[in-house]
Amino acid sequence: MRYLIAGLLLLSFIGCQRSEMKILTEDEVANVLVDLTISDQVITLHHVHERDSIRELLMESLLKIHDLDRAELDSNLYIYMSDFERFAKVNEVIQAKIDSLLLEEQ
């Protein structure tokens, strides 16, 4: 009986946490993915032995900038990547943003 009550409390706690998860708009997801793309390019410029620590620092910074935690990012990416049409729209926005950044560089 004690395990049943503990299990129900755990499930209700998990259920409450999920309702507080931040769901990003398509534009917000696109911004996060553009930043991830840029950070991946920055990582390749560094020595192989430094990449893991730089990747971790960049990820922490990116999550802080976008006011997310790792679970929210993973969940949002899963949500968008599970819906092909929705992700195709996001991908178009990402491509437009990257093209815009490349044009600014020139």
Protein backbone atom coordinates (compact mmCIF):
# COMPACT_ATOMS: atom_id res chain seq x y z
CA MET A 1 0.00 0.00 0.00
CA ARG A 2 2.83 2.35 0.88
CA TYR A 3 4.43 1.77 -2.56
CA LEU A 4 1.14 2.49 -4.30
CA ILE A 5 0.78 5.84 -2.53
CA ALA A 6 4.42 6.70 -3.20
CA GLY A 7 3.97 5.80 -6.87
CA LEU A 8 0.85 7.94 -7.19
CA LEU A 9 2.60 10.87 -5.53
CA LEU A 10 5.55 10.48 -7.88
CA LEU A 11 3.29 10.36 -10.94
CA SER A 12 1.38 13.44 -9.82
CA PHE A 13 4.66 15.26 -9.19
CA ILE A 14 5.93 14.36 -12.68
CA GLY A 15 2.59 15.39 -14.18
CA CYS A 16 2.79 18.78 -12.50
CA GLN A 17 6.31 19.36 -13.79
CA ARG A 18 5.36 18.56 -17.36
CA SER A 19 2.60 21.16 -17.39
CA GLU A 20 5.19 23.82 -16.54
CA MET A 21 7.40 22.95 -19.50
CA LYS A 22 7.99 25.85 -21.85
CA ILE A 23 6.74 25.14 -25.37
CA LEU A 24 8.60 27.24 -27.92
CA THR A 25 7.09 28.87 -30.97
CA GLU A 26 8.42 27.97 -34.41
CA ASP A 27 10.45 31.17 -34.51
CA GLU A 28 11.95 30.51 -31.06
CA VAL A 29 12.92 26.97 -32.05
CA ALA A 30 14.47 28.33 -35.23
CA ASN A 31 16.51 30.85 -33.21
CA VAL A 32 17.76 28.11 -30.88
CA LEU A 33 18.71 25.87 -33.80
CA VAL A 34 20.50 28.73 -35.59
CA ASP A 35 22.49 29.36 -32.44
CA LEU A 36 23.28 25.65 -32.15
CA THR A 37 24.46 25.61 -35.76
CA ILE A 38 26.72 28.60 -35.18
CA SER A 39 28.11 27.11 -31.97
CA ASP A 40 28.89 23.84 -33.78
CA GLN A 41 30.90 25.81 -36.33
CA VAL A 42 32.77 27.63 -33.55
CA ILE A 43 33.59 24.32 -31.89
CA THR A 44 35.21 22.97 -35.07
CA LEU A 45 37.67 25.90 -35.00
CA HIS A 46 39.18 24.70 -31.72
CA HIS A 47 41.62 21.92 -31.01
CA VAL A 48 40.07 18.47 -30.68
CA HIS A 49 41.04 18.20 -27.00
CA GLU A 50 39.21 21.42 -26.14
CA ARG A 51 35.97 20.74 -27.99
CA ASP A 52 34.04 18.94 -25.24
CA SER A 53 34.55 21.69 -22.68
CA ILE A 54 33.83 24.41 -25.23
CA ARG A 55 30.69 22.57 -26.36
CA GLU A 56 29.50 22.40 -22.74
CA LEU A 57 30.18 26.11 -22.14
CA LEU A 58 28.42 27.10 -25.34
CA MET A 59 25.42 24.92 -24.49
CA GLU A 60 25.14 26.45 -21.02
CA SER A 61 25.31 29.93 -22.53
CA LEU A 62 22.77 29.10 -25.22
CA LEU A 63 20.31 27.67 -22.68
CA LYS A 64 20.72 30.75 -20.49
CA ILE A 65 20.21 33.13 -23.44
CA HIS A 66 17.02 31.36 -24.49
CA ASP A 67 15.82 30.88 -20.89
CA LEU A 68 15.62 27.08 -21.21
CA ASP A 69 16.89 24.08 -19.36
CA ARG A 70 18.25 20.99 -21.11
CA ALA A 71 15.04 18.98 -20.65
CA GLU A 72 12.92 21.76 -22.18
CA LEU A 73 15.27 22.00 -25.16
CA ASP A 74 15.23 18.24 -25.70
CA SER A 75 11.44 18.07 -25.35
CA ASN A 76 10.86 20.93 -27.77
CA LEU A 77 13.23 19.46 -30.33
CA TYR A 78 11.43 16.13 -30.02
CA ILE A 79 8.04 17.82 -30.46
CA TYR A 80 9.10 19.68 -33.57
CA MET A 81 11.07 16.84 -35.13
CA SER A 82 8.16 14.46 -34.63
CA ASP A 83 5.93 16.59 -36.88
CA PHE A 84 7.49 16.66 -40.34
CA GLU A 85 5.40 19.52 -41.73
CA ARG A 86 5.99 21.69 -38.69
CA PHE A 87 9.71 20.97 -38.73
CA ALA A 88 9.88 21.72 -42.47
CA LYS A 89 8.48 25.21 -41.72
CA VAL A 90 11.04 25.67 -38.95
CA ASN A 91 13.78 24.49 -41.28
CA GLU A 92 12.78 27.13 -43.86
CA VAL A 93 13.00 29.83 -41.18
CA ILE A 94 16.40 28.49 -40.09
CA GLN A 95 17.70 28.57 -43.66
CA ALA A 96 16.44 32.13 -44.16
CA LYS A 97 18.10 33.28 -40.92
CA ILE A 98 21.41 31.64 -41.81
CA ASP A 99 21.29 33.09 -45.34
CA SER A 100 20.61 36.50 -43.83
CA LEU A 101 23.61 36.15 -41.47
CA LEU A 102 25.86 35.09 -44.36
CA LEU A 103 24.77 38.09 -46.42
CA GLU A 104 25.54 40.41 -43.50
CA GLU A 105 29.05 38.99 -43.33
CA GLN A 106 29.80 39.89 -46.93
